[in-house]
Amino acid sequence: MAVINVGNESTFDEKLLTAQQPVLVDFWASWCGPCKMAGPEVEAVETELSGKVIVAKVNIDELPGLTSRFNVKAVPTFIVFKGGKEVSRFTGYKTRKDLAAAVENI
């Protein structure tokens, strides 16, 4: 699988919140320096944990409804979901090791 670029709220709800595996969602923006640095780290987590975790990205400028719904106030913000529920959240640049640990430890 590849990183899912969420295009709308219904895709988010249907593909991510109903997933059986843990889901790591990266809320990012194209103008955000730390987001650009985190992009390759997010993709590396998807490659390393393929089949064990779903990795998705939400562009906050394109999907302000999701940004508001999940109360994202800064980018990058990473939210881990399990069974459709938020189980972890952190903000700022994180390494692939940090991101992988966040989803493997739930």
C-alpha atoms as a PDB file:
ATOM      1  CA  MET A   1       0.000   0.000   0.000  1.00  0.00           C
ATOM      2  CA  ALA A   2       0.965   3.611  -0.385  1.00  0.00           C
ATOM      3  CA  VAL A   3       0.347   6.634   1.796  1.00  0.00           C
ATOM      4  CA  ILE A   4      -3.291   7.666   1.347  1.00  0.00           C
ATOM      5  CA  ASN A   5      -3.760  11.300   0.386  1.00  0.00           C
ATOM      6  CA  VAL A   6      -7.189  12.061   1.808  1.00  0.00           C
ATOM      7  CA  GLY A   7      -9.268  13.982  -0.724  1.00  0.00           C
ATOM      8  CA  ASN A   8     -12.502  14.449   1.234  1.00  0.00           C
ATOM      9  CA  GLU A   9     -14.180  13.798   4.561  1.00  0.00           C
ATOM     10  CA  SER A  10     -16.160  10.790   3.395  1.00  0.00           C
ATOM     11  CA  THR A  11     -12.950   9.060   2.250  1.00  0.00           C
ATOM     12  CA  PHE A  12     -11.465   9.764   5.675  1.00  0.00           C
ATOM     13  CA  ASP A  13     -14.469   8.262   7.448  1.00  0.00           C
ATOM     14  CA  GLU A  14     -14.865   5.262   5.129  1.00  0.00           C
ATOM     15  CA  LYS A  15     -11.233   4.220   4.692  1.00  0.00           C
ATOM     16  CA  LEU A  16      -9.587   5.305   7.912  1.00  0.00           C
ATOM     17  CA  LEU A  17     -12.060   5.326  10.768  1.00  0.00           C
ATOM     18  CA  THR A  18     -13.411   1.879   9.854  1.00  0.00           C
ATOM     19  CA  ALA A  19      -9.968   0.273   9.465  1.00  0.00           C
ATOM     20  CA  GLN A  20      -8.997  -2.672  11.634  1.00  0.00           C
ATOM     21  CA  GLN A  21      -5.320  -1.710  11.697  1.00  0.00           C
ATOM     22  CA  PRO A  22      -3.912   1.322  13.488  1.00  0.00           C
ATOM     23  CA  VAL A  23      -4.053   4.488  11.363  1.00  0.00           C
ATOM     24  CA  LEU A  24      -1.420   7.233  11.411  1.00  0.00           C
ATOM     25  CA  VAL A  25      -2.707  10.520   9.986  1.00  0.00           C
ATOM     26  CA  ASP A  26      -0.356  13.382   9.147  1.00  0.00           C
ATOM     27  CA  PHE A  27      -2.126  16.767   9.113  1.00  0.00           C
ATOM     28  CA  TRP A  28       0.196  18.975   7.056  1.00  0.00           C
ATOM     29  CA  ALA A  29       0.416  22.065   4.829  1.00  0.00           C
ATOM     30  CA  SER A  30       2.462  22.774   1.702  1.00  0.00           C
ATOM     31  CA  TRP A  31       3.842  26.024   3.202  1.00  0.00           C
ATOM     32  CA  CYS A  32       5.079  24.295   6.393  1.00  0.00           C
ATOM     33  CA  GLY A  33       8.838  23.637   6.613  1.00  0.00           C
ATOM     34  CA  PRO A  34       8.644  20.949   9.313  1.00  0.00           C
ATOM     35  CA  CYS A  35       5.876  19.252   7.300  1.00  0.00           C
ATOM     36  CA  LYS A  36       8.191  19.037   4.284  1.00  0.00           C
ATOM     37  CA  MET A  37      10.890  17.506   6.474  1.00  0.00           C
ATOM     38  CA  ALA A  38       8.418  15.002   7.957  1.00  0.00           C
ATOM     39  CA  GLY A  39       7.055  13.866   4.574  1.00  0.00           C
ATOM     40  CA  PRO A  40       9.838  11.345   3.835  1.00  0.00           C
ATOM     41  CA  GLU A  41       9.655  10.081   7.429  1.00  0.00           C
ATOM     42  CA  VAL A  42       5.906   9.438   7.062  1.00  0.00           C
ATOM     43  CA  GLU A  43       6.467   7.575   3.793  1.00  0.00           C
ATOM     44  CA  ALA A  44       9.222   5.490   5.396  1.00  0.00           C
ATOM     45  CA  VAL A  45       6.846   4.405   8.166  1.00  0.00           C
ATOM     46  CA  GLU A  46       4.315   3.269   5.564  1.00  0.00           C
ATOM     47  CA  THR A  47       7.017   1.253   3.789  1.00  0.00           C
ATOM     48  CA  GLU A  48       8.410  -0.280   6.979  1.00  0.00           C
ATOM     49  CA  LEU A  49       5.023  -1.153   8.488  1.00  0.00           C
ATOM     50  CA  SER A  50       3.095  -1.917   5.297  1.00  0.00           C
ATOM     51  CA  GLY A  51       0.142  -4.169   6.066  1.00  0.00           C
ATOM     52  CA  LYS A  52       0.371  -3.478   9.799  1.00  0.00           C
ATOM     53  CA  VAL A  53      -0.646   0.180   9.732  1.00  0.00           C
ATOM     54  CA  ILE A  54      -2.454   2.557   7.413  1.00  0.00           C
ATOM     55  CA  VAL A  55      -0.722   5.875   6.814  1.00  0.00           C
ATOM     56  CA  ALA A  56      -2.608   8.904   5.504  1.00  0.00           C
ATOM     57  CA  LYS A  57      -2.002  12.591   4.906  1.00  0.00           C
ATOM     58  CA  VAL A  58      -4.530  15.417   5.240  1.00  0.00           C
ATOM     59  CA  ASN A  59      -3.701  18.790   3.682  1.00  0.00           C
ATOM     60  CA  ILE A  60      -5.210  21.270   6.152  1.00  0.00           C
ATOM     61  CA  ASP A  61      -5.669  23.951   3.487  1.00  0.00           C
ATOM     62  CA  GLU A  62      -7.681  21.607   1.257  1.00  0.00           C
ATOM     63  CA  LEU A  63      -9.734  20.005   4.044  1.00  0.00           C
ATOM     64  CA  PRO A  64     -10.474  22.660   6.667  1.00  0.00           C
ATOM     65  CA  GLY A  65     -13.496  20.680   7.859  1.00  0.00           C
ATOM     66  CA  LEU A  66     -11.337  17.760   8.981  1.00  0.00           C
ATOM     67  CA  THR A  67      -8.811  20.170  10.457  1.00  0.00           C
ATOM     68  CA  SER A  68     -11.549  21.737  12.562  1.00  0.00           C
ATOM     69  CA  ARG A  69     -13.249  18.435  13.373  1.00  0.00           C
ATOM     70  CA  PHE A  70     -10.044  17.074  14.908  1.00  0.00           C
ATOM     71  CA  ASN A  71      -9.062  20.386  16.490  1.00  0.00           C
ATOM     72  CA  VAL A  72      -5.735  20.630  14.674  1.00  0.00           C
ATOM     73  CA  LYS A  73      -4.137  23.923  15.710  1.00  0.00           C
ATOM     74  CA  ALA A  74      -0.564  23.457  14.438  1.00  0.00           C
ATOM     75  CA  VAL A  75       1.208  21.506  11.711  1.00  0.00           C
ATOM     76  CA  PRO A  76       2.469  18.963  11.398  1.00  0.00           C
ATOM     77  CA  THR A  77       0.066  17.209  13.744  1.00  0.00           C
ATOM     78  CA  PHE A  78       0.036  13.429  13.837  1.00  0.00           C
ATOM     79  CA  ILE A  79      -2.986  11.541  15.134  1.00  0.00           C
ATOM     80  CA  VAL A  80      -3.083   7.783  15.668  1.00  0.00           C
ATOM     81  CA  PHE A  81      -6.488   6.094  15.458  1.00  0.00           C
ATOM     82  CA  LYS A  82      -7.425   2.563  16.490  1.00  0.00           C
ATOM     83  CA  GLY A  83     -10.948   1.264  15.946  1.00  0.00           C
ATOM     84  CA  GLY A  84     -12.054   4.710  14.788  1.00  0.00           C
ATOM     85  CA  LYS A  85     -10.964   6.384  18.026  1.00  0.00           C
ATOM     86  CA  GLU A  86      -8.072   8.762  18.591  1.00  0.00           C
ATOM     87  CA  VAL A  87      -5.497   7.081  20.816  1.00  0.00           C
ATOM     88  CA  SER A  88      -2.479   9.358  20.438  1.00  0.00           C
ATOM     89  CA  ARG A  89      -1.588  12.829  19.168  1.00  0.00           C
ATOM     90  CA  PHE A  90       1.628  14.779  18.810  1.00  0.00           C
ATOM     91  CA  THR A  91       2.740  17.923  17.025  1.00  0.00           C
ATOM     92  CA  GLY A  92       5.961  18.931  15.339  1.00  0.00           C
ATOM     93  CA  TYR A  93       8.604  17.142  13.326  1.00  0.00           C
ATOM     94  CA  LYS A  94       9.081  13.491  14.275  1.00  0.00           C
ATOM     95  CA  THR A  95      11.511  10.900  12.957  1.00  0.00           C
ATOM     96  CA  ARG A  96      10.373   7.649  11.353  1.00  0.00           C
ATOM     97  CA  LYS A  97      11.454   5.868  14.554  1.00  0.00           C
ATOM     98  CA  ASP A  98       9.183   8.104  16.665  1.00  0.00           C
ATOM     99  CA  LEU A  99       6.270   7.702  14.260  1.00  0.00           C
ATOM    100  CA  ALA A 100       6.669   3.928  14.037  1.00  0.00           C
ATOM    101  CA  ALA A 101       6.835   3.632  17.825  1.00  0.00           C
ATOM    102  CA  ALA A 102       3.608   5.626  18.148  1.00  0.00           C
ATOM    103  CA  VAL A 103       1.653   3.117  16.069  1.00  0.00           C
ATOM    104  CA  GLU A 104       3.422  -0.051  17.180  1.00  0.00           C
ATOM    105  CA  ASN A 105       2.825   0.636  20.867  1.00  0.00           C
ATOM    106  CA  ILE A 106      -0.971   0.686  20.747  1.00  0.00           C
END
